[in-house]
Amino acid sequence: MRLLLKLLLSALVVVGLAKFLPGVAVDGYFSAFIVAIVLAILNLIVKPILVILTLPVTIITLGLFLLIINAIIIFLADGFVSGFSVDGWFMAIIFSLLFSLFQSILYSLLDKD
């Protein structure tokens, strides 16, 4: 039940960011829910592999390369979900930063209960 609630909150964040950011588009709430699921799966499976493979570059850039890894995850989700699109690297980085920020705020409010 908690996982479903977190996915729904993530989908709401995706919809909100799509309405706020000009380079991000999502077709509807169902597409946003699918994006939330795909992002959760990609962050669970692909992101640790990318972090390990790019560890030297991440250390040299003092962790800033993780922004590029997050943008890659967003672009992968863009490729997997047909109702979701992100235009350009800058929008993907901004989307990933805001998505992480709002997601952590909402999850912290959820954990207080």
PDB file of N, CA and C in Angstrom:
ATOM      1  N   MET A   1       0.824  -1.189   0.000  1.00  0.00           N
ATOM      2  CA  MET A   1       0.000   0.000   0.000  1.00  0.00           C
ATOM      3  C   MET A   1       0.872   1.258   0.000  1.00  0.00           C
ATOM      4  N   ARG A   2       1.957   1.216   0.771  1.00  0.00           N
ATOM      5  CA  ARG A   2       2.855   2.371   0.858  1.00  0.00           C
ATOM      6  C   ARG A   2       3.558   2.615  -0.477  1.00  0.00           C
ATOM      7  N   LEU A   3       3.922   1.543  -1.173  1.00  0.00           N
ATOM      8  CA  LEU A   3       4.564   1.668  -2.486  1.00  0.00           C
ATOM      9  C   LEU A   3       3.615   2.318  -3.482  1.00  0.00           C
ATOM     10  N   LEU A   4       2.368   1.908  -3.465  1.00  0.00           N
ATOM     11  CA  LEU A   4       1.377   2.491  -4.363  1.00  0.00           C
ATOM     12  C   LEU A   4       1.173   3.969  -4.073  1.00  0.00           C
ATOM     13  N   LEU A   5       1.160   4.341  -2.805  1.00  0.00           N
ATOM     14  CA  LEU A   5       1.016   5.750  -2.436  1.00  0.00           C
ATOM     15  C   LEU A   5       2.225   6.569  -2.898  1.00  0.00           C
ATOM     16  N   LYS A   6       3.422   6.007  -2.766  1.00  0.00           N
ATOM     17  CA  LYS A   6       4.613   6.700  -3.232  1.00  0.00           C
ATOM     18  C   LYS A   6       4.604   6.850  -4.749  1.00  0.00           C
ATOM     19  N   LEU A   7       4.138   5.835  -5.464  1.00  0.00           N
ATOM     20  CA  LEU A   7       4.039   5.935  -6.918  1.00  0.00           C
ATOM     21  C   LEU A   7       3.010   6.982  -7.337  1.00  0.00           C
ATOM     22  N   LEU A   8       1.907   7.059  -6.621  1.00  0.00           N
ATOM     23  CA  LEU A   8       0.901   8.076  -6.929  1.00  0.00           C
ATOM     24  C   LEU A   8       1.429   9.483  -6.656  1.00  0.00           C
ATOM     25  N   LEU A   9       2.159   9.655  -5.564  1.00  0.00           N
ATOM     26  CA  LEU A   9       2.765  10.954  -5.276  1.00  0.00           C
ATOM     27  C   LEU A   9       3.793  11.324  -6.342  1.00  0.00           C
ATOM     28  N   SER A  10       4.572  10.356  -6.786  1.00  0.00           N
ATOM     29  CA  SER A  10       5.545  10.610  -7.844  1.00  0.00           C
ATOM     30  C   SER A  10       4.848  10.987  -9.147  1.00  0.00           C
ATOM     31  N   ALA A  11       3.733  10.336  -9.436  1.00  0.00           N
ATOM     32  CA  ALA A  11       2.971  10.662 -10.643  1.00  0.00           C
ATOM     33  C   ALA A  11       2.420  12.084 -10.569  1.00  0.00           C
ATOM     34  N   LEU A  12       1.970  12.492  -9.394  1.00  0.00           N
ATOM     35  CA  LEU A  12       1.491  13.865  -9.227  1.00  0.00           C
ATOM     36  C   LEU A  12       2.626  14.876  -9.409  1.00  0.00           C
ATOM     37  N   VAL A  13       3.817  14.535  -8.955  1.00  0.00           N
ATOM     38  CA  VAL A  13       4.967  15.407  -9.152  1.00  0.00           C
ATOM     39  C   VAL A  13       5.301  15.512 -10.643  1.00  0.00           C
ATOM     40  N   VAL A  14       5.222  14.390 -11.356  1.00  0.00           N
ATOM     41  CA  VAL A  14       5.484  14.400 -12.800  1.00  0.00           C
ATOM     42  C   VAL A  14       4.483  15.299 -13.516  1.00  0.00           C
ATOM     43  N   VAL A  15       3.199  15.191 -13.157  1.00  0.00           N
ATOM     44  CA  VAL A  15       2.174  16.030 -13.785  1.00  0.00           C
ATOM     45  C   VAL A  15       2.418  17.498 -13.455  1.00  0.00           C
ATOM     46  N   GLY A  16       2.726  17.787 -12.208  1.00  0.00           N
ATOM     47  CA  GLY A  16       2.982  19.170 -11.812  1.00  0.00           C
ATOM     48  C   GLY A  16       4.185  19.769 -12.530  1.00  0.00           C
ATOM     49  N   LEU A  17       5.248  19.012 -12.645  1.00  0.00           N
ATOM     50  CA  LEU A  17       6.430  19.509 -13.340  1.00  0.00           C
ATOM     51  C   LEU A  17       6.187  19.658 -14.833  1.00  0.00           C
ATOM     52  N   ALA A  18       5.363  18.774 -15.408  1.00  0.00           N
ATOM     53  CA  ALA A  18       5.041  18.889 -16.833  1.00  0.00           C
ATOM     54  C   ALA A  18       4.238  20.155 -17.105  1.00  0.00           C
ATOM     55  N   LYS A  19       3.403  20.559 -16.160  1.00  0.00           N
ATOM     56  CA  LYS A  19       2.640  21.795 -16.330  1.00  0.00           C
ATOM     57  C   LYS A  19       3.509  23.027 -16.091  1.00  0.00           C
ATOM     58  N   PHE A  20       4.528  22.896 -15.249  1.00  0.00           N
ATOM     59  CA  PHE A  20       5.368  24.021 -14.866  1.00  0.00           C
ATOM     60  C   PHE A  20       6.536  24.248 -15.833  1.00  0.00           C
ATOM     61  N   LEU A  21       7.203  23.179 -16.250  1.00  0.00           N
ATOM     62  CA  LEU A  21       8.380  23.301 -17.108  1.00  0.00           C
ATOM     63  C   LEU A  21       7.973  23.297 -18.580  1.00  0.00           C
ATOM     64  N   PRO A  22       8.514  24.219 -19.373  1.00  0.00           N
ATOM     65  CA  PRO A  22       8.083  24.310 -20.777  1.00  0.00           C
ATOM     66  C   PRO A  22       8.588  23.182 -21.670  1.00  0.00           C
ATOM     67  N   GLY A  23       9.665  22.518 -21.346  1.00  0.00           N
ATOM     68  CA  GLY A  23      10.206  21.472 -22.203  1.00  0.00           C
ATOM     69  C   GLY A  23       9.791  20.068 -21.827  1.00  0.00           C
ATOM     70  N   VAL A  24       8.868  19.937 -20.886  1.00  0.00           N
ATOM     71  CA  VAL A  24       8.428  18.622 -20.415  1.00  0.00           C
ATOM     72  C   VAL A  24       6.939  18.489 -20.708  1.00  0.00           C
ATOM     73  N   ALA A  25       6.558  17.343 -21.278  1.00  0.00           N
ATOM     74  CA  ALA A  25       5.149  17.111 -21.589  1.00  0.00           C
ATOM     75  C   ALA A  25       4.755  15.694 -21.183  1.00  0.00           C
ATOM     76  N   VAL A  26       3.563  15.579 -20.640  1.00  0.00           N
ATOM     77  CA  VAL A  26       2.994  14.276 -20.290  1.00  0.00           C
ATOM     78  C   VAL A  26       1.538  14.296 -20.739  1.00  0.00           C
ATOM     79  N   ASP A  27       1.077  13.177 -21.321  1.00  0.00           N
ATOM     80  CA  ASP A  27      -0.262  13.144 -21.908  1.00  0.00           C
ATOM     81  C   ASP A  27      -1.379  13.149 -20.877  1.00  0.00           C
ATOM     82  N   GLY A  28      -1.196  12.485 -19.781  1.00  0.00           N
ATOM     83  CA  GLY A  28      -2.257  12.431 -18.786  1.00  0.00           C
ATOM     84  C   GLY A  28      -1.769  11.787 -17.509  1.00  0.00           C
ATOM     85  N   TYR A  29      -2.728  11.545 -16.619  1.00  0.00           N
ATOM     86  CA  TYR A  29      -2.380  10.985 -15.318  1.00  0.00           C
ATOM     87  C   TYR A  29      -1.902   9.540 -15.427  1.00  0.00           C
ATOM     88  N   PHE A  30      -2.485   8.779 -16.353  1.00  0.00           N
ATOM     89  CA  PHE A  30      -2.046   7.396 -16.518  1.00  0.00           C
ATOM     90  C   PHE A  30      -0.610   7.350 -17.035  1.00  0.00           C
ATOM     91  N   SER A  31      -0.290   8.220 -17.991  1.00  0.00           N
ATOM     92  CA  SER A  31       1.084   8.284 -18.494  1.00  0.00           C
ATOM     93  C   SER A  31       2.039   8.713 -17.388  1.00  0.00           C
ATOM     94  N   ALA A  32       1.609   9.635 -16.545  1.00  0.00           N
ATOM     95  CA  ALA A  32       2.453  10.066 -15.426  1.00  0.00           C
ATOM     96  C   ALA A  32       2.679   8.922 -14.444  1.00  0.00           C
ATOM     97  N   PHE A  33       1.660   8.108 -14.218  1.00  0.00           N
ATOM     98  CA  PHE A  33       1.806   6.951 -13.334  1.00  0.00           C
ATOM     99  C   PHE A  33       2.795   5.946 -13.932  1.00  0.00           C
ATOM    100  N   ILE A  34       2.705   5.734 -15.241  1.00  0.00           N
ATOM    101  CA  ILE A  34       3.645   4.830 -15.916  1.00  0.00           C
ATOM    102  C   ILE A  34       5.063   5.400 -15.838  1.00  0.00           C
ATOM    103  N   VAL A  35       5.206   6.721 -15.996  1.00  0.00           N
ATOM    104  CA  VAL A  35       6.522   7.362 -15.870  1.00  0.00           C
ATOM    105  C   VAL A  35       7.075   7.146 -14.468  1.00  0.00           C
ATOM    106  N   ALA A  36       6.232   7.268 -13.452  1.00  0.00           N
ATOM    107  CA  ALA A  36       6.679   7.048 -12.074  1.00  0.00           C
ATOM    108  C   ALA A  36       7.163   5.610 -11.881  1.00  0.00           C
ATOM    109  N   ILE A  37       6.449   4.664 -12.447  1.00  0.00           N
ATOM    110  CA  ILE A  37       6.862   3.252 -12.345  1.00  0.00           C
ATOM    111  C   ILE A  37       8.184   3.029 -13.073  1.00  0.00           C
ATOM    112  N   VAL A  38       8.292   3.557 -14.295  1.00  0.00           N
ATOM    113  CA  VAL A  38       9.514   3.372 -15.089  1.00  0.00           C
ATOM    114  C   VAL A  38      10.708   4.040 -14.407  1.00  0.00           C
ATOM    115  N   LEU A  39      10.511   5.243 -13.860  1.00  0.00           N
ATOM    116  CA  LEU A  39      11.604   5.909 -13.150  1.00  0.00           C
ATOM    117  C   LEU A  39      12.029   5.119 -11.918  1.00  0.00           C
ATOM    118  N   ALA A  40      11.080   4.535 -11.214  1.00  0.00           N
ATOM    119  CA  ALA A  40      11.418   3.727 -10.041  1.00  0.00           C
ATOM    120  C   ALA A  40      12.235   2.497 -10.446  1.00  0.00           C
ATOM    121  N   ILE A  41      11.837   1.851 -11.526  1.00  0.00           N
ATOM    122  CA  ILE A  41      12.561   0.660 -11.996  1.00  0.00           C
ATOM    123  C   ILE A  41      13.953   1.035 -12.493  1.00  0.00           C
ATOM    124  N   LEU A  42      14.038   2.127 -13.267  1.00  0.00           N
ATOM    125  CA  LEU A  42      15.348   2.561 -13.773  1.00  0.00           C
ATOM    126  C   LEU A  42      16.278   2.986 -12.647  1.00  0.00           C
ATOM    127  N   ASN A  43      15.742   3.670 -11.644  1.00  0.00           N
ATOM    128  CA  ASN A  43      16.569   4.066 -10.505  1.00  0.00           C
ATOM    129  C   ASN A  43      17.003   2.870  -9.676  1.00  0.00           C
ATOM    130  N   LEU A  44      16.215   1.812  -9.709  1.00  0.00           N
ATOM    131  CA  LEU A  44      16.557   0.610  -8.953  1.00  0.00           C
ATOM    132  C   LEU A  44      17.592  -0.248  -9.675  1.00  0.00           C
ATOM    133  N   ILE A  45      17.494  -0.332 -11.003  1.00  0.00           N
ATOM    134  CA  ILE A  45      18.344  -1.258 -11.752  1.00  0.00           C
ATOM    135  C   ILE A  45      19.482  -0.555 -12.492  1.00  0.00           C
ATOM    136  N   VAL A  46      19.159   0.447 -13.285  1.00  0.00           N
ATOM    137  CA  VAL A  46      20.144   1.043 -14.191  1.00  0.00           C
ATOM    138  C   VAL A  46      21.051   2.048 -13.482  1.00  0.00           C
ATOM    139  N   LYS A  47      20.499   2.849 -12.607  1.00  0.00           N
ATOM    140  CA  LYS A  47      21.294   3.915 -11.984  1.00  0.00           C
ATOM    141  C   LYS A  47      22.496   3.393 -11.188  1.00  0.00           C
ATOM    142  N   PRO A  48      22.361   2.338 -10.372  1.00  0.00           N
ATOM    143  CA  PRO A  48      23.567   1.844  -9.670  1.00  0.00           C
ATOM    144  C   PRO A  48      24.657   1.358 -10.620  1.00  0.00           C
ATOM    145  N   ILE A  49      24.249   0.776 -11.738  1.00  0.00           N
ATOM    146  CA  ILE A  49      25.236   0.317 -12.721  1.00  0.00           C
ATOM    147  C   ILE A  49      25.968   1.510 -13.327  1.00  0.00           C
ATOM    148  N   LEU A  50      25.210   2.549 -13.697  1.00  0.00           N
ATOM    149  CA  LEU A  50      25.830   3.748 -14.260  1.00  0.00           C
ATOM    150  C   LEU A  50      26.739   4.449 -13.252  1.00  0.00           C
ATOM    151  N   VAL A  51      26.322   4.477 -12.004  1.00  0.00           N
ATOM    152  CA  VAL A  51      27.145   5.122 -10.967  1.00  0.00           C
ATOM    153  C   VAL A  51      28.464   4.377 -10.795  1.00  0.00           C
ATOM    154  N   ILE A  52      28.416   3.065 -10.794  1.00  0.00           N
ATOM    155  CA  ILE A  52      29.649   2.280 -10.639  1.00  0.00           C
ATOM    156  C   ILE A  52      30.557   2.437 -11.852  1.00  0.00           C
ATOM    157  N   LEU A  53      29.958   2.417 -13.061  1.00  0.00           N
ATOM    158  CA  LEU A  53      30.774   2.535 -14.265  1.00  0.00           C
ATOM    159  C   LEU A  53      31.411   3.919 -14.414  1.00  0.00           C
ATOM    160  N   THR A  54      30.768   4.940 -13.898  1.00  0.00           N
ATOM    161  CA  THR A  54      31.284   6.303 -14.050  1.00  0.00           C
ATOM    162  C   THR A  54      31.878   6.845 -12.752  1.00  0.00           C
ATOM    163  N   LEU A  55      32.256   5.984 -11.849  1.00  0.00           N
ATOM    164  CA  LEU A  55      32.777   6.417 -10.562  1.00  0.00           C
ATOM    165  C   LEU A  55      34.017   7.322 -10.666  1.00  0.00           C
ATOM    166  N   PRO A  56      34.986   7.028 -11.530  1.00  0.00           N
ATOM    167  CA  PRO A  56      36.133   7.947 -11.617  1.00  0.00           C
ATOM    168  C   PRO A  56      35.741   9.361 -12.073  1.00  0.00           C
ATOM    169  N   VAL A  57      34.853   9.449 -13.040  1.00  0.00           N
ATOM    170  CA  VAL A  57      34.416  10.767 -13.514  1.00  0.00           C
ATOM    171  C   VAL A  57      33.623  11.475 -12.422  1.00  0.00           C
ATOM    172  N   THR A  58      32.821  10.728 -11.687  1.00  0.00           N
ATOM    173  CA  THR A  58      32.038  11.320 -10.600  1.00  0.00           C
ATOM    174  C   THR A  58      32.950  11.852  -9.498  1.00  0.00           C
ATOM    175  N   ILE A  59      34.012  11.139  -9.204  1.00  0.00           N
ATOM    176  CA  ILE A  59      34.953  11.597  -8.181  1.00  0.00           C
ATOM    177  C   ILE A  59      35.699  12.843  -8.654  1.00  0.00           C
ATOM    178  N   ILE A  60      36.121  12.847  -9.914  1.00  0.00           N
ATOM    179  CA  ILE A  60      36.852  14.004 -10.450  1.00  0.00           C
ATOM    180  C   ILE A  60      35.976  15.251 -10.450  1.00  0.00           C
ATOM    181  N   THR A  61      34.684  15.091 -10.779  1.00  0.00           N
ATOM    182  CA  THR A  61      33.781  16.253 -10.832  1.00  0.00           C
ATOM    183  C   THR A  61      33.117  16.532  -9.493  1.00  0.00           C
ATOM    184  N   LEU A  62      33.569  15.864  -8.442  1.00  0.00           N
ATOM    185  CA  LEU A  62      33.040  16.038  -7.085  1.00  0.00           C
ATOM    186  C   LEU A  62      31.541  15.768  -7.008  1.00  0.00           C
ATOM    187  N   GLY A  63      31.083  14.788  -7.754  1.00  0.00           N
ATOM    188  CA  GLY A  63      29.689  14.362  -7.698  1.00  0.00           C
ATOM    189  C   GLY A  63      28.762  15.048  -8.674  1.00  0.00           C
ATOM    190  N   LEU A  64      29.240  16.040  -9.392  1.00  0.00           N
ATOM    191  CA  LEU A  64      28.369  16.746 -10.327  1.00  0.00           C
ATOM    192  C   LEU A  64      27.962  15.892 -11.530  1.00  0.00           C
ATOM    193  N   PHE A  65      28.738  14.865 -11.820  1.00  0.00           N
ATOM    194  CA  PHE A  65      28.385  13.986 -12.929  1.00  0.00           C
ATOM    195  C   PHE A  65      27.112  13.195 -12.631  1.00  0.00           C
ATOM    196  N   LEU A  66      26.722  13.109 -11.374  1.00  0.00           N
ATOM    197  CA  LEU A  66      25.471  12.439 -11.028  1.00  0.00           C
ATOM    198  C   LEU A  66      24.266  13.157 -11.630  1.00  0.00           C
ATOM    199  N   LEU A  67      24.391  14.460 -11.864  1.00  0.00           N
ATOM    200  CA  LEU A  67      23.327  15.194 -12.562  1.00  0.00           C
ATOM    201  C   LEU A  67      23.153  14.668 -13.983  1.00  0.00           C
ATOM    202  N   ILE A  68      24.250  14.362 -14.639  1.00  0.00           N
ATOM    203  CA  ILE A  68      24.191  13.811 -15.994  1.00  0.00           C
ATOM    204  C   ILE A  68      23.582  12.411 -15.963  1.00  0.00           C
ATOM    205  N   ILE A  69      23.931  11.627 -14.955  1.00  0.00           N
ATOM    206  CA  ILE A  69      23.349  10.283 -14.826  1.00  0.00           C
ATOM    207  C   ILE A  69      21.838  10.385 -14.615  1.00  0.00           C
ATOM    208  N   ASN A  70      21.400  11.334 -13.783  1.00  0.00           N
ATOM    209  CA  ASN A  70      19.955  11.522 -13.593  1.00  0.00           C
ATOM    210  C   ASN A  70      19.281  11.941 -14.888  1.00  0.00           C
ATOM    211  N   ALA A  71      19.935  12.797 -15.679  1.00  0.00           N
ATOM    212  CA  ALA A  71      19.372  13.195 -16.966  1.00  0.00           C
ATOM    213  C   ALA A  71      19.282  12.004 -17.912  1.00  0.00           C
ATOM    214  N   ILE A  72      20.262  11.125 -17.875  1.00  0.00           N
ATOM    215  CA  ILE A  72      20.221   9.915 -18.706  1.00  0.00           C
ATOM    216  C   ILE A  72      19.035   9.042 -18.301  1.00  0.00           C
ATOM    217  N   ILE A  73      18.784   8.914 -17.007  1.00  0.00           N
ATOM    218  CA  ILE A  73      17.638   8.139 -16.526  1.00  0.00           C
ATOM    219  C   ILE A  73      16.329   8.759 -17.027  1.00  0.00           C
ATOM    220  N   ILE A  74      16.242  10.092 -17.013  1.00  0.00           N
ATOM    221  CA  ILE A  74      15.044  10.774 -17.504  1.00  0.00           C
ATOM    222  C   ILE A  74      14.882  10.522 -18.997  1.00  0.00           C
ATOM    223  N   PHE A  75      15.970  10.584 -19.763  1.00  0.00           N
ATOM    224  CA  PHE A  75      15.885  10.317 -21.197  1.00  0.00           C
ATOM    225  C   PHE A  75      15.497   8.866 -21.481  1.00  0.00           C
ATOM    226  N   LEU A  76      15.964   7.941 -20.665  1.00  0.00           N
ATOM    227  CA  LEU A  76      15.554   6.545 -20.826  1.00  0.00           C
ATOM    228  C   LEU A  76      14.056   6.388 -20.579  1.00  0.00           C
ATOM    229  N   ALA A  77      13.545   7.069 -19.554  1.00  0.00           N
ATOM    230  CA  ALA A  77      12.106   7.030 -19.293  1.00  0.00           C
ATOM    231  C   ALA A  77      11.345   7.667 -20.444  1.00  0.00           C
ATOM    232  N   ASP A  78      11.902   8.722 -21.028  1.00  0.00           N
ATOM    233  CA  ASP A  78      11.301   9.364 -22.202  1.00  0.00           C
ATOM    234  C   ASP A  78      11.213   8.378 -23.359  1.00  0.00           C
ATOM    235  N   GLY A  79      12.221   7.555 -23.521  1.00  0.00           N
ATOM    236  CA  GLY A  79      12.219   6.564 -24.591  1.00  0.00           C
ATOM    237  C   GLY A  79      11.254   5.413 -24.344  1.00  0.00           C
ATOM    238  N   PHE A  80      11.051   5.049 -23.092  1.00  0.00           N
ATOM    239  CA  PHE A  80      10.182   3.914 -22.781  1.00  0.00           C
ATOM    240  C   PHE A  80       8.701   4.278 -22.744  1.00  0.00           C
ATOM    241  N   VAL A  81       8.366   5.472 -22.321  1.00  0.00           N
ATOM    242  CA  VAL A  81       6.960   5.867 -22.170  1.00  0.00           C
ATOM    243  C   VAL A  81       6.599   6.802 -23.325  1.00  0.00           C
ATOM    244  N   SER A  82       5.606   6.398 -24.106  1.00  0.00           N
ATOM    245  CA  SER A  82       5.272   7.178 -25.300  1.00  0.00           C
ATOM    246  C   SER A  82       4.545   8.482 -24.968  1.00  0.00           C
ATOM    247  N   GLY A  83       3.887   8.591 -23.843  1.00  0.00           N
ATOM    248  CA  GLY A  83       3.156   9.797 -23.496  1.00  0.00           C
ATOM    249  C   GLY A  83       3.955  10.800 -22.690  1.00  0.00           C
ATOM    250  N   PHE A  84       5.272  10.652 -22.675  1.00  0.00           N
ATOM    251  CA  PHE A  84       6.149  11.507 -21.873  1.00  0.00           C
ATOM    252  C   PHE A  84       7.305  11.973 -22.742  1.00  0.00           C
ATOM    253  N   SER A  85       7.592  13.264 -22.721  1.00  0.00           N
ATOM    254  CA  SER A  85       8.718  13.760 -23.516  1.00  0.00           C
ATOM    255  C   SER A  85       9.434  14.879 -22.773  1.00  0.00           C
ATOM    256  N   VAL A  86      10.746  14.899 -22.950  1.00  0.00           N
ATOM    257  CA  VAL A  86      11.599  15.924 -22.373  1.00  0.00           C
ATOM    258  C   VAL A  86      12.467  16.458 -23.502  1.00  0.00           C
ATOM    259  N   ASP A  87      12.519  17.784 -23.638  1.00  0.00           N
ATOM    260  CA  ASP A  87      13.271  18.420 -24.717  1.00  0.00           C
ATOM    261  C   ASP A  87      14.620  18.923 -24.211  1.00  0.00           C
ATOM    262  N   GLY A  88      15.672  18.203 -24.525  1.00  0.00           N
ATOM    263  CA  GLY A  88      17.015  18.681 -24.254  1.00  0.00           C
ATOM    264  C   GLY A  88      17.588  18.282 -22.906  1.00  0.00           C
ATOM    265  N   TRP A  89      18.909  18.390 -22.844  1.00  0.00           N
ATOM    266  CA  TRP A  89      19.646  18.021 -21.641  1.00  0.00           C
ATOM    267  C   TRP A  89      19.347  18.949 -20.475  1.00  0.00           C
ATOM    268  N   PHE A  90      19.247  20.239 -20.772  1.00  0.00           N
ATOM    269  CA  PHE A  90      19.007  21.200 -19.700  1.00  0.00           C
ATOM    270  C   PHE A  90      17.670  20.928 -19.015  1.00  0.00           C
ATOM    271  N   MET A  91      16.630  20.679 -19.802  1.00  0.00           N
ATOM    272  CA  MET A  91      15.311  20.379 -19.222  1.00  0.00           C
ATOM    273  C   MET A  91      15.326  19.065 -18.451  1.00  0.00           C
ATOM    274  N   ALA A  92      16.096  18.091 -18.942  1.00  0.00           N
ATOM    275  CA  ALA A  92      16.185  16.811 -18.231  1.00  0.00           C
ATOM    276  C   ALA A  92      16.876  16.986 -16.879  1.00  0.00           C
ATOM    277  N   ILE A  93      17.911  17.815 -16.831  1.00  0.00           N
ATOM    278  CA  ILE A  93      18.603  18.057 -15.569  1.00  0.00           C
ATOM    279  C   ILE A  93      17.701  18.821 -14.608  1.00  0.00           C
ATOM    280  N   ILE A  94      17.032  19.866 -15.103  1.00  0.00           N
ATOM    281  CA  ILE A  94      16.122  20.644 -14.257  1.00  0.00           C
ATOM    282  C   ILE A  94      14.980  19.768 -13.762  1.00  0.00           C
ATOM    283  N   PHE A  95      14.417  18.935 -14.660  1.00  0.00           N
ATOM    284  CA  PHE A  95      13.333  18.034 -14.272  1.00  0.00           C
ATOM    285  C   PHE A  95      13.803  17.063 -13.198  1.00  0.00           C
ATOM    286  N   SER A  96      14.985  16.489 -13.367  1.00  0.00           N
ATOM    287  CA  SER A  96      15.470  15.512 -12.385  1.00  0.00           C
ATOM    288  C   SER A  96      15.743  16.164 -11.036  1.00  0.00           C
ATOM    289  N   LEU A  97      16.281  17.384 -11.050  1.00  0.00           N
ATOM    290  CA  LEU A  97      16.528  18.084  -9.788  1.00  0.00           C
ATOM    291  C   LEU A  97      15.224  18.396  -9.054  1.00  0.00           C
ATOM    292  N   LEU A  98      14.262  18.965  -9.783  1.00  0.00           N
ATOM    293  CA  LEU A  98      12.986  19.315  -9.153  1.00  0.00           C
ATOM    294  C   LEU A  98      12.199  18.067  -8.753  1.00  0.00           C
ATOM    295  N   PHE A  99      12.260  17.030  -9.582  1.00  0.00           N
ATOM    296  CA  PHE A  99      11.572  15.783  -9.258  1.00  0.00           C
ATOM    297  C   PHE A  99      12.122  15.188  -7.968  1.00  0.00           C
ATOM    298  N   SER A 100      13.433  15.167  -7.835  1.00  0.00           N
ATOM    299  CA  SER A 100      14.051  14.630  -6.612  1.00  0.00           C
ATOM    300  C   SER A 100      13.704  15.476  -5.398  1.00  0.00           C
ATOM    301  N   LEU A 101      13.723  16.788  -5.565  1.00  0.00           N
ATOM    302  CA  LEU A 101      13.409  17.693  -4.464  1.00  0.00           C
ATOM    303  C   LEU A 101      11.978  17.503  -3.973  1.00  0.00           C
ATOM    304  N   PHE A 102      11.011  17.567  -4.894  1.00  0.00           N
ATOM    305  CA  PHE A 102       9.612  17.423  -4.499  1.00  0.00           C
ATOM    306  C   PHE A 102       9.301  16.019  -3.994  1.00  0.00           C
ATOM    307  N   GLN A 103       9.933  15.029  -4.591  1.00  0.00           N
ATOM    308  CA  GLN A 103       9.721  13.654  -4.153  1.00  0.00           C
ATOM    309  C   GLN A 103      10.237  13.466  -2.728  1.00  0.00           C
ATOM    310  N   SER A 104      11.393  14.011  -2.412  1.00  0.00           N
ATOM    311  CA  SER A 104      11.924  13.853  -1.054  1.00  0.00           C
ATOM    312  C   SER A 104      11.076  14.608  -0.035  1.00  0.00           C
ATOM    313  N   ILE A 105      10.558  15.776  -0.419  1.00  0.00           N
ATOM    314  CA  ILE A 105       9.678  16.520   0.490  1.00  0.00           C
ATOM    315  C   ILE A 105       8.401  15.738   0.754  1.00  0.00           C
ATOM    316  N   LEU A 106       7.773  15.230  -0.293  1.00  0.00           N
ATOM    317  CA  LEU A 106       6.526  14.483  -0.118  1.00  0.00           C
ATOM    318  C   LEU A 106       6.739  13.172   0.637  1.00  0.00           C
ATOM    319  N   TYR A 107       7.854  12.494   0.359  1.00  0.00           N
ATOM    320  CA  TYR A 107       8.132  11.247   1.073  1.00  0.00           C
ATOM    321  C   TYR A 107       8.416  11.498   2.544  1.00  0.00           C
ATOM    322  N   SER A 108       9.066  12.619   2.861  1.00  0.00           N
ATOM    323  CA  SER A 108       9.323  12.923   4.264  1.00  0.00           C
ATOM    324  C   SER A 108       8.017  13.251   5.003  1.00  0.00           C
ATOM    325  N   LEU A 109       7.087  13.909   4.318  1.00  0.00           N
ATOM    326  CA  LEU A 109       5.779  14.153   4.926  1.00  0.00           C
ATOM    327  C   LEU A 109       5.015  12.853   5.106  1.00  0.00           C
ATOM    328  N   LEU A 110       5.197  11.924   4.188  1.00  0.00           N
ATOM    329  CA  LEU A 110       4.532  10.626   4.272  1.00  0.00           C
ATOM    330  C   LEU A 110       5.092   9.793   5.427  1.00  0.00           C
ATOM    331  N   ASP A 111       6.391   9.895   5.658  1.00  0.00           N
ATOM    332  CA  ASP A 111       7.020   9.107   6.720  1.00  0.00           C
ATOM    333  C   ASP A 111       6.737   9.644   8.117  1.00  0.00           C
ATOM    334  N   LYS A 112       6.257  10.868   8.235  1.00  0.00           N
ATOM    335  CA  LYS A 112       5.951  11.427   9.550  1.00  0.00           C
ATOM    336  C   LYS A 112       4.720  10.795  10.176  1.00  0.00           C
ATOM    337  N   ASP A 113       3.861  10.209   9.367  1.00  0.00           N
ATOM    338  CA  ASP A 113       2.633   9.597   9.901  1.00  0.00           C
ATOM    339  C   ASP A 113       2.898   8.341  10.672  1.00  0.00           C
TER     340      ASP A 113
END
